[in-house]
C-alpha atoms as a PDB file:
ATOM      1  CA  MET A   1     -58.957 -48.790-114.893  1.00  0.00           C
ATOM      2  CA  ARG A   2     -56.001 -46.664-113.880  1.00  0.00           C
ATOM      3  CA  PRO A   3     -56.584 -44.259-110.919  1.00  0.00           C
ATOM      4  CA  ASP A   4     -55.541 -41.186-112.947  1.00  0.00           C
ATOM      5  CA  ILE A   5     -58.376 -41.585-115.458  1.00  0.00           C
ATOM      6  CA  LEU A   6     -60.823 -42.151-112.588  1.00  0.00           C
ATOM      7  CA  LEU A   7     -59.671 -38.817-111.107  1.00  0.00           C
ATOM      8  CA  ALA A   8     -60.306 -37.189-114.458  1.00  0.00           C
ATOM      9  CA  LEU A   9     -63.804 -38.577-114.953  1.00  0.00           C
ATOM     10  CA  LEU A  10     -65.471 -39.366-111.634  1.00  0.00           C
ATOM     11  CA  PRO A  11     -65.667 -36.038-109.700  1.00  0.00           C
ATOM     12  CA  VAL A  12     -68.006 -34.306-112.110  1.00  0.00           C
ATOM     13  CA  LEU A  13     -70.241 -37.394-112.393  1.00  0.00           C
ATOM     14  CA  ALA A  14     -70.327 -37.708-108.598  1.00  0.00           C
ATOM     15  CA  PHE A  15     -71.567 -34.145-108.190  1.00  0.00           C
ATOM     16  CA  LEU A  16     -74.150 -34.661-110.886  1.00  0.00           C
ATOM     17  CA  ALA A  17     -75.386 -37.739-109.006  1.00  0.00           C
ATOM     18  CA  VAL A  18     -75.683 -35.604-105.844  1.00  0.00           C
ATOM     19  CA  LEU A  19     -77.870 -33.089-107.704  1.00  0.00           C
ATOM     20  CA  ILE A  20     -80.116 -35.878-109.030  1.00  0.00           C
ATOM     21  CA  TYR A  21     -80.375 -37.339-105.524  1.00  0.00           C
ATOM     22  CA  LEU A  22     -81.333 -33.944-104.042  1.00  0.00           C
ATOM     23  CA  ASP A  23     -84.099 -33.452-106.622  1.00  0.00           C
ATOM     24  CA  SER A  24     -86.971 -34.516-104.359  1.00  0.00           C
ATOM     25  CA  TYR A  25     -89.577 -34.059-107.114  1.00  0.00           C
ATOM     26  CA  LYS A  26     -87.619 -36.208-109.591  1.00  0.00           C
ATOM     27  CA  LEU A  27     -88.072 -33.514-112.216  1.00  0.00           C
ATOM     28  CA  ILE A  28     -85.680 -35.251-114.596  1.00  0.00           C
ATOM     29  CA  ARG A  29     -85.584 -38.986-115.322  1.00  0.00           C
ATOM     30  CA  LEU A  30     -82.263 -40.809-115.487  1.00  0.00           C
ATOM     31  CA  ARG A  31     -82.758 -41.414-119.215  1.00  0.00           C
ATOM     32  CA  ALA A  32     -83.127 -37.672-119.814  1.00  0.00           C
ATOM     33  CA  VAL A  33     -79.951 -37.006-117.756  1.00  0.00           C
ATOM     34  CA  LEU A  34     -78.032 -39.564-119.868  1.00  0.00           C
ATOM     35  CA  VAL A  35     -79.318 -37.939-123.070  1.00  0.00           C
ATOM     36  CA  THR A  36     -78.203 -34.555-121.786  1.00  0.00           C
ATOM     37  CA  ILE A  37     -74.739 -35.924-121.000  1.00  0.00           C
ATOM     38  CA  GLY A  38     -74.669 -37.321-124.568  1.00  0.00           C
ATOM     39  CA  TRP A  39     -75.439 -33.874-125.983  1.00  0.00           C
ATOM     40  CA  GLY A  40     -72.605 -32.481-123.900  1.00  0.00           C
ATOM     41  CA  CYS A  41     -70.311 -35.119-125.393  1.00  0.00           C
ATOM     42  CA  GLY A  42     -71.404 -34.113-128.848  1.00  0.00           C
ATOM     43  CA  ALA A  43     -70.757 -30.452-128.087  1.00  0.00           C
ATOM     44  CA  ALA A  44     -67.218 -31.339-127.009  1.00  0.00           C
ATOM     45  CA  LEU A  45     -66.526 -33.122-130.256  1.00  0.00           C
ATOM     46  CA  VAL A  46     -67.833 -30.159-132.273  1.00  0.00           C
ATOM     47  CA  ALA A  47     -65.744 -27.791-130.100  1.00  0.00           C
ATOM     48  CA  MET A  48     -62.602 -29.740-130.796  1.00  0.00           C
ATOM     49  CA  GLY A  49     -63.136 -29.390-134.529  1.00  0.00           C
ATOM     50  CA  ILE A  50     -63.907 -25.665-134.332  1.00  0.00           C
ATOM     51  CA  ASN A  51     -61.076 -24.984-131.912  1.00  0.00           C
ATOM     52  CA  THR A  52     -58.601 -26.754-134.183  1.00  0.00           C
ATOM     53  CA  TRP A  53     -59.791 -24.882-137.251  1.00  0.00           C
ATOM     54  CA  VAL A  54     -59.749 -21.486-135.576  1.00  0.00           C
ATOM     55  CA  PHE A  55     -56.363 -22.056-133.933  1.00  0.00           C
ATOM     56  CA  ASN A  56     -54.778 -23.110-137.230  1.00  0.00           C
ATOM     57  CA  ALA A  57     -56.400 -20.169-139.084  1.00  0.00           C
ATOM     58  CA  LEU A  58     -55.152 -17.493-136.693  1.00  0.00           C
ATOM     59  CA  PRO A  59     -51.604 -16.442-135.812  1.00  0.00           C
ATOM     60  CA  ILE A  60     -52.173 -16.904-132.093  1.00  0.00           C
ATOM     61  CA  GLU A  61     -50.402 -18.604-129.211  1.00  0.00           C
ATOM     62  CA  SER A  62     -51.938 -21.616-127.538  1.00  0.00           C
ATOM     63  CA  GLN A  63     -52.175 -19.905-124.149  1.00  0.00           C
ATOM     64  CA  THR A  64     -53.860 -16.816-125.581  1.00  0.00           C
ATOM     65  CA  PHE A  65     -56.311 -19.007-127.485  1.00  0.00           C
ATOM     66  CA  SER A  66     -57.279 -21.005-124.393  1.00  0.00           C
ATOM     67  CA  ARG A  67     -57.792 -17.808-122.365  1.00  0.00           C
ATOM     68  CA  TYR A  68     -59.687 -15.589-124.779  1.00  0.00           C
ATOM     69  CA  LEU A  69     -61.168 -17.598-127.687  1.00  0.00           C
ATOM     70  CA  ALA A  70     -61.850 -21.152-126.541  1.00  0.00           C
ATOM     71  CA  PRO A  71     -64.211 -20.061-123.701  1.00  0.00           C
ATOM     72  CA  TRP A  72     -66.495 -18.331-126.195  1.00  0.00           C
ATOM     73  CA  ILE A  73     -66.600 -21.335-128.494  1.00  0.00           C
ATOM     74  CA  GLU A  74     -67.045 -23.936-125.818  1.00  0.00           C
ATOM     75  CA  GLU A  75     -69.542 -22.055-123.633  1.00  0.00           C
ATOM     76  CA  GLY A  76     -71.471 -21.063-126.758  1.00  0.00           C
ATOM     77  CA  LEU A  77     -71.934 -24.695-127.823  1.00  0.00           C
ATOM     78  CA  LYS A  78     -72.979 -25.726-124.309  1.00  0.00           C
ATOM     79  CA  ALA A  79     -75.343 -22.779-123.984  1.00  0.00           C
ATOM     80  CA  ALA A  80     -76.983 -23.581-127.327  1.00  0.00           C
ATOM     81  CA  ILE A  81     -78.094 -26.960-125.922  1.00  0.00           C
ATOM     82  CA  ILE A  82     -79.603 -25.310-122.854  1.00  0.00           C
ATOM     83  CA  ILE A  83     -81.438 -22.732-124.978  1.00  0.00           C
ATOM     84  CA  GLY A  84     -82.799 -25.532-127.170  1.00  0.00           C
ATOM     85  CA  LEU A  85     -84.116 -27.377-124.105  1.00  0.00           C
ATOM     86  CA  MET A  86     -85.753 -24.221-122.793  1.00  0.00           C
ATOM     87  CA  ARG A  87     -87.416 -23.460-126.127  1.00  0.00           C
ATOM     88  CA  ALA A  88     -88.741 -27.057-126.158  1.00  0.00           C
ATOM     89  CA  ASN A  89     -90.170 -26.494-122.631  1.00  0.00           C
ATOM     90  CA  ARG A  90     -87.932 -29.222-121.194  1.00  0.00           C
ATOM     91  CA  ILE A  91     -86.683 -26.983-118.382  1.00  0.00           C
ATOM     92  CA  GLY A  92     -89.301 -25.711-115.961  1.00  0.00           C
ATOM     93  CA  PHE A  93     -87.471 -24.876-112.728  1.00  0.00           C
ATOM     94  CA  MET A  94     -84.043 -23.841-111.554  1.00  0.00           C
ATOM     95  CA  VAL A  95     -83.661 -27.365-110.134  1.00  0.00           C
ATOM     96  CA  ASP A  96     -83.829 -29.050-113.537  1.00  0.00           C
ATOM     97  CA  ALA A  97     -81.936 -26.136-115.077  1.00  0.00           C
ATOM     98  CA  ALA A  98     -79.032 -26.955-112.705  1.00  0.00           C
ATOM     99  CA  ILE A  99     -79.192 -30.667-113.469  1.00  0.00           C
ATOM    100  CA  ARG A 100     -79.454 -30.160-117.220  1.00  0.00           C
ATOM    101  CA  GLY A 101     -76.680 -27.562-117.232  1.00  0.00           C
ATOM    102  CA  PHE A 102     -74.337 -29.679-115.151  1.00  0.00           C
ATOM    103  CA  GLY A 103     -75.174 -32.682-117.279  1.00  0.00           C
ATOM    104  CA  VAL A 104     -74.198 -30.898-120.459  1.00  0.00           C
ATOM    105  CA  GLY A 105     -70.981 -29.711-118.844  1.00  0.00           C
ATOM    106  CA  ALA A 106     -70.253 -33.190-117.488  1.00  0.00           C
ATOM    107  CA  GLY A 107     -70.588 -34.717-120.927  1.00  0.00           C
ATOM    108  CA  PHE A 108     -68.340 -32.023-122.384  1.00  0.00           C
ATOM    109  CA  ALA A 109     -65.709 -32.618-119.682  1.00  0.00           C
ATOM    110  CA  LEU A 110     -65.807 -36.387-120.125  1.00  0.00           C
ATOM    111  CA  VAL A 111     -64.942 -36.221-123.819  1.00  0.00           C
ATOM    112  CA  GLU A 112     -62.350 -33.466-123.280  1.00  0.00           C
ATOM    113  CA  ASN A 113     -60.598 -35.378-120.520  1.00  0.00           C
ATOM    114  CA  LEU A 114     -60.674 -38.679-122.456  1.00  0.00           C
ATOM    115  CA  TYR A 115     -59.090 -36.845-125.409  1.00  0.00           C
ATOM    116  CA  TYR A 116     -56.291 -35.435-123.233  1.00  0.00           C
ATOM    117  CA  TYR A 117     -55.829 -38.852-121.618  1.00  0.00           C
ATOM    118  CA  THR A 118     -55.289 -40.533-124.998  1.00  0.00           C
ATOM    119  CA  ALA A 119     -53.080 -37.686-126.182  1.00  0.00           C
ATOM    120  CA  THR A 120     -50.899 -37.591-123.034  1.00  0.00           C
ATOM    121  CA  PRO A 121     -51.241 -40.999-121.308  1.00  0.00           C
ATOM    122  CA  ASP A 122     -48.028 -40.488-119.327  1.00  0.00           C
ATOM    123  CA  ALA A 123     -49.061 -37.181-117.754  1.00  0.00           C
ATOM    124  CA  HIS A 124     -48.427 -36.803-114.027  1.00  0.00           C
ATOM    125  CA  LEU A 125     -51.214 -37.636-111.564  1.00  0.00           C
ATOM    126  CA  TYR A 126     -51.144 -33.955-110.609  1.00  0.00           C
ATOM    127  CA  VAL A 127     -52.522 -33.101-114.090  1.00  0.00           C
ATOM    128  CA  TRP A 128     -55.500 -35.407-113.717  1.00  0.00           C
ATOM    129  CA  ILE A 129     -56.336 -34.074-110.292  1.00  0.00           C
ATOM    130  CA  ILE A 130     -56.544 -30.576-111.782  1.00  0.00           C
ATOM    131  CA  ARG A 131     -58.509 -31.772-114.840  1.00  0.00           C
ATOM    132  CA  GLY A 132     -60.907 -33.934-112.869  1.00  0.00           C
ATOM    133  CA  PHE A 133     -61.566 -31.713-109.860  1.00  0.00           C
ATOM    134  CA  GLY A 134     -60.976 -28.381-111.555  1.00  0.00           C
ATOM    135  CA  THR A 135     -61.552 -28.258-115.298  1.00  0.00           C
ATOM    136  CA  ALA A 136     -64.383 -30.830-115.337  1.00  0.00           C
ATOM    137  CA  VAL A 137     -66.263 -29.182-112.451  1.00  0.00           C
ATOM    138  CA  MET A 138     -65.666 -25.806-114.097  1.00  0.00           C
ATOM    139  CA  HIS A 139     -67.348 -27.023-117.327  1.00  0.00           C
ATOM    140  CA  GLY A 140     -70.301 -28.390-115.402  1.00  0.00           C
ATOM    141  CA  GLY A 141     -70.567 -25.394-113.074  1.00  0.00           C
ATOM    142  CA  THR A 142     -70.427 -22.659-115.707  1.00  0.00           C
ATOM    143  CA  THR A 143     -73.142 -24.322-117.786  1.00  0.00           C
ATOM    144  CA  ALA A 144     -75.289 -25.003-114.731  1.00  0.00           C
ATOM    145  CA  LEU A 145     -75.011 -21.343-113.662  1.00  0.00           C
ATOM    146  CA  PHE A 146     -75.812 -20.232-117.197  1.00  0.00           C
ATOM    147  CA  ALA A 147     -78.946 -22.378-117.203  1.00  0.00           C
ATOM    148  CA  ILE A 148     -80.040 -21.246-113.733  1.00  0.00           C
ATOM    149  CA  VAL A 149     -79.527 -17.519-114.410  1.00  0.00           C
ATOM    150  CA  THR A 150     -81.128 -17.679-117.816  1.00  0.00           C
ATOM    151  CA  LYS A 151     -84.122 -19.528-116.400  1.00  0.00           C
ATOM    152  CA  GLN A 152     -84.526 -17.115-113.492  1.00  0.00           C
ATOM    153  CA  MET A 153     -84.202 -13.979-115.633  1.00  0.00           C
ATOM    154  CA  GLY A 154     -86.529 -15.433-118.301  1.00  0.00           C
ATOM    155  CA  GLU A 155     -89.196 -15.963-115.627  1.00  0.00           C
ATOM    156  CA  ARG A 156     -88.750 -12.437-114.349  1.00  0.00           C
ATOM    157  CA  TYR A 157     -88.715 -10.736-117.746  1.00  0.00           C
ATOM    158  CA  PRO A 158     -90.597 -13.082-120.117  1.00  0.00           C
ATOM    159  CA  GLU A 159     -91.241 -10.350-122.672  1.00  0.00           C
ATOM    160  CA  ARG A 160     -87.513 -10.009-123.378  1.00  0.00           C
ATOM    161  CA  GLY A 161     -87.107 -13.620-124.552  1.00  0.00           C
ATOM    162  CA  LEU A 162     -83.650 -14.926-125.275  1.00  0.00           C
ATOM    163  CA  LEU A 163     -82.050 -11.500-124.628  1.00  0.00           C
ATOM    164  CA  MET A 164     -81.911 -12.541-120.968  1.00  0.00           C
ATOM    165  CA  ALA A 165     -79.441 -15.257-121.861  1.00  0.00           C
ATOM    166  CA  ILE A 166     -76.814 -12.728-122.915  1.00  0.00           C
ATOM    167  CA  PRO A 167     -75.621 -11.655-119.437  1.00  0.00           C
ATOM    168  CA  ALA A 168     -75.683 -15.269-118.250  1.00  0.00           C
ATOM    169  CA  PHE A 169     -73.582 -16.336-121.221  1.00  0.00           C
ATOM    170  CA  ALA A 170     -71.117 -13.493-120.703  1.00  0.00           C
ATOM    171  CA  GLY A 171     -70.745 -14.594-117.080  1.00  0.00           C
ATOM    172  CA  ALA A 172     -70.096 -18.205-118.079  1.00  0.00           C
ATOM    173  CA  VAL A 173     -67.425 -17.113-120.571  1.00  0.00           C
ATOM    174  CA  LEU A 174     -65.798 -14.869-117.975  1.00  0.00           C
ATOM    175  CA  LEU A 175     -65.633 -17.628-115.342  1.00  0.00           C
ATOM    176  CA  HIS A 176     -64.198 -20.035-117.941  1.00  0.00           C
ATOM    177  CA  SER A 177     -61.612 -17.515-119.039  1.00  0.00           C
ATOM    178  CA  LEU A 178     -60.603 -16.650-115.480  1.00  0.00           C
ATOM    179  CA  PHE A 179     -60.088 -20.316-114.711  1.00  0.00           C
ATOM    180  CA  ASN A 180     -57.852 -20.706-117.779  1.00  0.00           C
ATOM    181  CA  HIS A 181     -55.724 -17.764-116.702  1.00  0.00           C
ATOM    182  CA  PHE A 182     -54.490 -19.565-113.554  1.00  0.00           C
ATOM    183  CA  PHE A 183     -53.898 -16.322-111.688  1.00  0.00           C
ATOM    184  CA  VAL A 184     -52.953 -18.499-108.713  1.00  0.00           C
ATOM    185  CA  ALA A 185     -51.344 -21.932-108.573  1.00  0.00           C
ATOM    186  CA  PRO A 186     -53.351 -24.564-110.522  1.00  0.00           C
ATOM    187  CA  LEU A 187     -54.096 -26.594-107.380  1.00  0.00           C
ATOM    188  CA  ILE A 188     -55.429 -23.470-105.589  1.00  0.00           C
ATOM    189  CA  SER A 189     -57.595 -22.637-108.658  1.00  0.00           C
ATOM    190  CA  THR A 190     -58.905 -26.175-108.610  1.00  0.00           C
ATOM    191  CA  ALA A 191     -59.683 -25.967-104.903  1.00  0.00           C
ATOM    192  CA  LEU A 192     -61.540 -22.679-105.377  1.00  0.00           C
ATOM    193  CA  VAL A 193     -63.614 -24.086-108.270  1.00  0.00           C
ATOM    194  CA  LEU A 194     -64.313 -27.315-106.417  1.00  0.00           C
ATOM    195  CA  PHE A 195     -65.545 -25.399-103.375  1.00  0.00           C
ATOM    196  CA  LEU A 196     -67.235 -22.271-104.757  1.00  0.00           C
ATOM    197  CA  LEU A 197     -69.117 -23.461-107.852  1.00  0.00           C
ATOM    198  CA  PRO A 198     -70.810 -26.506-106.215  1.00  0.00           C
ATOM    199  CA  LEU A 199     -71.617 -24.412-103.125  1.00  0.00           C
ATOM    200  CA  ILE A 200     -73.318 -21.693-105.193  1.00  0.00           C
ATOM    201  CA  ILE A 201     -75.243 -24.285-107.218  1.00  0.00           C
ATOM    202  CA  LEU A 202     -76.391 -26.181-104.120  1.00  0.00           C
ATOM    203  CA  VAL A 203     -77.634 -22.950-102.429  1.00  0.00           C
ATOM    204  CA  ILE A 204     -79.621 -22.057-105.547  1.00  0.00           C
ATOM    205  CA  PHE A 205     -80.813 -25.636-105.829  1.00  0.00           C
ATOM    206  CA  ARG A 206     -82.275 -25.615-102.322  1.00  0.00           C
ATOM    207  CA  GLU A 207     -83.972 -22.246-102.832  1.00  0.00           C
ATOM    208  CA  SER A 208     -85.523 -23.509-106.056  1.00  0.00           C
ATOM    209  CA  GLU A 209     -86.838 -26.572-104.262  1.00  0.00           C
ATOM    210  CA  ARG A 210     -88.675 -24.291-101.827  1.00  0.00           C
ATOM    211  CA  GLY A 211     -90.011 -22.236-104.720  1.00  0.00           C
ATOM    212  CA  THR A 212     -91.243 -25.346-106.456  1.00  0.00           C
ATOM    213  CA  ARG A 213     -93.059 -26.418-103.303  1.00  0.00           C
ATOM    214  CA  ARG A 214     -94.775 -23.021-103.036  1.00  0.00           C
ATOM    215  CA  TRP A 215     -95.744 -23.069-106.731  1.00  0.00           C
ATOM    216  CA  LEU A 216     -97.201 -26.540-106.477  1.00  0.00           C
ATOM    217  CA  GLY A 217     -99.288 -25.733-103.393  1.00  0.00           C
ATOM    218  CA  ILE A 218    -100.805 -22.565-104.807  1.00  0.00           C
ATOM    219  CA  GLY A 219    -101.138 -23.792-108.392  1.00  0.00           C
ATOM    220  CA  PHE A 220    -102.788 -27.109-107.473  1.00  0.00           C
ATOM    221  CA  ASP A 221    -105.559 -25.442-105.442  1.00  0.00           C
ATOM    222  CA  SER A 222    -106.321 -22.740-108.030  1.00  0.00           C
ATOM    223  CA  ASP A 223    -106.332 -25.222-110.925  1.00  0.00           C
ATOM    224  CA  ARG A 224    -108.590 -27.561-108.987  1.00  0.00           C
ATOM    225  CA  GLU A 225    -111.056 -24.786-108.206  1.00  0.00           C
ATOM    226  CA  LEU A 226    -111.218 -23.558-111.780  1.00  0.00           C
ATOM    227  CA  LEU A 227    -111.563 -27.119-113.083  1.00  0.00           C
ATOM    228  CA  ASP A 228    -114.538 -27.683-110.781  1.00  0.00           C
ATOM    229  CA  MET A 229    -116.203 -24.539-112.181  1.00  0.00           C
ATOM    230  CA  VAL A 230    -115.689 -25.690-115.771  1.00  0.00           C
ATOM    231  CA  THR A 231    -116.749 -29.305-115.303  1.00  0.00           C
ATOM    232  CA  THR A 232    -119.864 -28.568-113.273  1.00  0.00           C
ATOM    233  CA  GLY A 233    -120.937 -25.637-115.452  1.00  0.00           C
ATOM    234  CA  ILE A 234    -121.573 -23.566-112.334  1.00  0.00           C
ATOM    235  CA  LEU A 235    -119.688 -20.303-112.769  1.00  0.00           C
ATOM    236  CA  SER A 236    -118.993 -18.468-109.540  1.00  0.00           C
ATOM    237  CA  GLU A 237    -119.938 -14.798-109.154  1.00  0.00           C
ATOM    238  CA  ASN A 238    -116.336 -13.752-109.032  1.00  0.00           C
ATOM    239  CA  ARG A 239    -114.342 -12.134-111.821  1.00  0.00           C
ATOM    240  CA  ILE A 240    -113.229 -15.508-113.213  1.00  0.00           C
ATOM    241  CA  GLY A 241    -116.792 -16.781-113.466  1.00  0.00           C
ATOM    242  CA  GLN A 242    -118.042 -13.519-114.981  1.00  0.00           C
ATOM    243  CA  TYR A 243    -115.270 -13.603-117.582  1.00  0.00           C
ATOM    244  CA  LEU A 244    -116.027 -17.155-118.630  1.00  0.00           C
ATOM    245  CA  HIS A 245    -119.728 -16.341-118.775  1.00  0.00           C
ATOM    246  CA  SER A 246    -119.027 -13.312-120.998  1.00  0.00           C
ATOM    247  CA  LEU A 247    -117.526 -15.604-123.666  1.00  0.00           C
ATOM    248  CA  GLN A 248    -121.063 -16.603-124.661  1.00  0.00           C
ATOM    249  CA  ASP A 249    -121.694 -13.047-125.860  1.00  0.00           C
ATOM    250  CA  ARG A 250    -118.492 -12.880-127.928  1.00  0.00           C
ATOM    251  CA  PHE A 251    -118.316 -16.262-129.666  1.00  0.00           C
ATOM    252  CA  PRO A 252    -120.731 -18.672-131.314  1.00  0.00           C
ATOM    253  CA  GLY A 253    -122.214 -21.329-129.023  1.00  0.00           C
ATOM    254  CA  GLU A 254    -120.289 -24.257-130.563  1.00  0.00           C
ATOM    255  CA  THR A 255    -117.018 -22.324-130.340  1.00  0.00           C
ATOM    256  CA  VAL A 256    -117.653 -21.542-126.652  1.00  0.00           C
ATOM    257  CA  ALA A 257    -118.267 -25.214-126.040  1.00  0.00           C
ATOM    258  CA  ASP A 258    -114.964 -26.137-127.697  1.00  0.00           C
ATOM    259  CA  MET A 259    -113.175 -23.396-125.733  1.00  0.00           C
ATOM    260  CA  LEU A 260    -114.481 -24.673-122.411  1.00  0.00           C
ATOM    261  CA  CYS A 261    -113.604 -28.216-123.396  1.00  0.00           C
ATOM    262  CA  TYR A 262    -110.086 -27.061-124.351  1.00  0.00           C
ATOM    263  CA  LEU A 263    -109.733 -25.288-121.006  1.00  0.00           C
ATOM    264  CA  ARG A 264    -111.006 -28.353-119.145  1.00  0.00           C
ATOM    265  CA  ILE A 265    -108.487 -30.718-120.723  1.00  0.00           C
ATOM    266  CA  HIS A 266    -105.700 -28.202-120.194  1.00  0.00           C
ATOM    267  CA  LEU A 267    -106.582 -27.878-116.499  1.00  0.00           C
ATOM    268  CA  GLU A 268    -106.922 -31.660-116.109  1.00  0.00           C
ATOM    269  CA  LEU A 269    -103.400 -32.129-117.479  1.00  0.00           C
ATOM    270  CA  SER A 270    -102.091 -29.348-115.285  1.00  0.00           C
ATOM    271  CA  VAL A 271    -103.674 -30.890-112.139  1.00  0.00           C
ATOM    272  CA  ARG A 272    -102.473 -34.332-113.143  1.00  0.00           C
ATOM    273  CA  ALA A 273     -98.923 -33.112-113.590  1.00  0.00           C
ATOM    274  CA  LYS A 274     -98.829 -31.260-110.254  1.00  0.00           C
ATOM    275  CA  GLY A 275    -100.295 -34.319-108.533  1.00  0.00           C
ATOM    276  CA  LEU A 276     -97.664 -36.481-110.121  1.00  0.00           C
ATOM    277  CA  LEU A 277     -94.882 -34.233-108.787  1.00  0.00           C
ATOM    278  CA  LEU A 278     -96.433 -34.273-105.303  1.00  0.00           C
ATOM    279  CA  MET A 279     -96.634 -38.073-105.425  1.00  0.00           C
ATOM    280  CA  ARG A 280     -92.944 -38.279-106.442  1.00  0.00           C
ATOM    281  CA  GLU A 281     -91.950 -36.046-103.540  1.00  0.00           C
ATOM    282  CA  ALA A 282     -93.812 -38.387-101.195  1.00  0.00           C
ATOM    283  CA  GLY A 283     -91.846 -41.337-102.584  1.00  0.00           C
ATOM    284  CA  PHE A 284     -94.528 -42.887-104.789  1.00  0.00           C
ATOM    285  CA  GLU A 285     -93.850 -43.897-108.378  1.00  0.00           C
ATOM    286  CA  VAL A 286     -96.878 -43.340-110.620  1.00  0.00           C
ATOM    287  CA  PRO A 287     -97.109 -45.482-113.822  1.00  0.00           C
ATOM    288  CA  PRO A 288     -97.839 -43.779-117.120  1.00  0.00           C
ATOM    289  CA  ASP A 289    -101.524 -43.177-117.837  1.00  0.00           C
ATOM    290  CA  ALA A 290    -102.737 -44.259-121.294  1.00  0.00           C
ATOM    291  CA  GLU A 291    -105.492 -41.660-121.118  1.00  0.00           C
ATOM    292  CA  VAL A 292    -102.975 -38.820-121.344  1.00  0.00           C
ATOM    293  CA  GLY A 293    -102.163 -39.554-124.995  1.00  0.00           C
ATOM    294  CA  ALA A 294    -105.857 -39.331-125.944  1.00  0.00           C
ATOM    295  CA  GLN A 295    -106.175 -36.035-124.063  1.00  0.00           C
ATOM    296  CA  PHE A 296    -103.256 -34.566-126.041  1.00  0.00           C
ATOM    297  CA  GLU A 297    -104.874 -35.684-129.278  1.00  0.00           C
ATOM    298  CA  GLU A 298    -108.151 -34.027-128.331  1.00  0.00           C
ATOM    299  CA  LEU A 299    -106.291 -30.906-127.232  1.00  0.00           C
ATOM    300  CA  ARG A 300    -104.618 -30.651-130.656  1.00  0.00           C
ATOM    301  CA  TYR A 301    -108.015 -31.015-132.383  1.00  0.00           C
ATOM    302  CA  LEU A 302    -109.626 -28.333-130.208  1.00  0.00           C
ATOM    303  CA  ASP A 303    -106.622 -26.069-130.741  1.00  0.00           C
ATOM    304  CA  ARG A 304    -107.423 -26.001-134.445  1.00  0.00           C
ATOM    305  CA  SER A 305    -111.120 -25.656-133.785  1.00  0.00           C
ATOM    306  CA  ILE A 306    -111.054 -22.572-131.505  1.00  0.00           C
ATOM    307  CA  GLY A 307    -108.273 -20.854-133.469  1.00  0.00           C
ATOM    308  CA  LYS A 308    -105.940 -18.119-132.334  1.00  0.00           C
ATOM    309  CA  THR A 309    -108.761 -15.764-131.242  1.00  0.00           C
ATOM    310  CA  GLY A 310    -110.196 -18.426-128.950  1.00  0.00           C
ATOM    311  CA  LYS A 311    -106.813 -19.164-127.409  1.00  0.00           C
ATOM    312  CA  ILE A 312    -106.209 -15.443-126.818  1.00  0.00           C
ATOM    313  CA  ALA A 313    -109.565 -15.245-124.999  1.00  0.00           C
ATOM    314  CA  LEU A 314    -108.572 -18.166-122.781  1.00  0.00           C
ATOM    315  CA  HIS A 315    -105.014 -16.901-122.263  1.00  0.00           C
ATOM    316  CA  PRO A 316    -105.605 -15.794-118.602  1.00  0.00           C
ATOM    317  CA  PHE A 317    -106.322 -19.431-117.649  1.00  0.00           C
ATOM    318  CA  LEU A 318    -104.034 -21.441-119.944  1.00  0.00           C
ATOM    319  CA  HIS A 319    -100.846 -21.204-117.820  1.00  0.00           C
ATOM    320  CA  THR A 320     -98.459 -20.327-120.607  1.00  0.00           C
ATOM    321  CA  ARG A 321     -95.506 -19.603-118.349  1.00  0.00           C
ATOM    322  CA  SER A 322     -92.546 -21.896-118.818  1.00  0.00           C
ATOM    323  CA  LYS A 323     -93.199 -23.785-115.544  1.00  0.00           C
ATOM    324  CA  ASP A 324     -96.734 -24.617-116.624  1.00  0.00           C
ATOM    325  CA  LEU A 325     -95.748 -25.536-120.186  1.00  0.00           C
ATOM    326  CA  TRP A 326     -92.979 -27.709-118.795  1.00  0.00           C
ATOM    327  CA  GLN A 327     -95.328 -29.671-116.508  1.00  0.00           C
ATOM    328  CA  ILE A 328     -97.641 -30.512-119.386  1.00  0.00           C
ATOM    329  CA  THR A 329     -94.718 -31.430-121.604  1.00  0.00           C
ATOM    330  CA  MET A 330     -93.519 -33.743-118.786  1.00  0.00           C
ATOM    331  CA  LEU A 331     -96.687 -35.860-119.113  1.00  0.00           C
ATOM    332  CA  LYS A 332     -95.787 -36.608-122.744  1.00  0.00           C
ATOM    333  CA  GLY A 333     -92.685 -38.434-121.451  1.00  0.00           C
END
């Protein structure tokens, strides 16, 4: 393989590999990373078709299009993938938001650079340095930052839903547009992108790792304590125990039994997932547990049995934040 195409493809993949290596909890499997890269490749193919159609339909210069229209189209397609992953509870922390985001951007950059390589195979090595170390890292970096900011703002303001993605998306488009302006020499722009975006992502990455560690420590202990209360049937004289005991006065006996069973399985899955993450951090690989599938089946049955009212009553204990939903989703594989 010629060195120019390696320069165009390898830098963004190398940085993605660094992020995966730094993920001490192994939040994302290699297969999931490859799938994410594949989605980014698909987004690039769609973007090429849309860009061509829009460019041909409008009386606009190529430079103006690349600066003011292409960033909206390309960042929009990449952002749509991230939003889809979040809605499916496949992103639980800023760590996996960074990896997923950079993976989407990496796939997008790979297809884009391969297209330019086939279209201009005789381009100077200078071009591939800029595309590999600048444009490709820019694609990965803007999508990673979009995913990180959207995730963080969504955790802080969960009641606002997807509205919190708007400022993150605007920021990604702005960064993309600024890069395409080349206010300074292309090599200087490339150097700035290569230095600043990975540095920002790595700082956020490390902070998220510390946050994950704190969340695991606190969450594991509280889940374990509540699970002991439910499984033994001995409700403590604290507010949690009093609340669970009060359910007997508000629901029929068989419904209360199903509700407590639902809560028990939910807590068991939560404790199992947190334990799995702690084992991964310690360097142990835990094989899949066949019992998990049966627990999910029972959870689905009990979900129908207790109904919406029962779930609302259990809401304080069901861990419906995205981190908690993500960890249970993780056990499904």
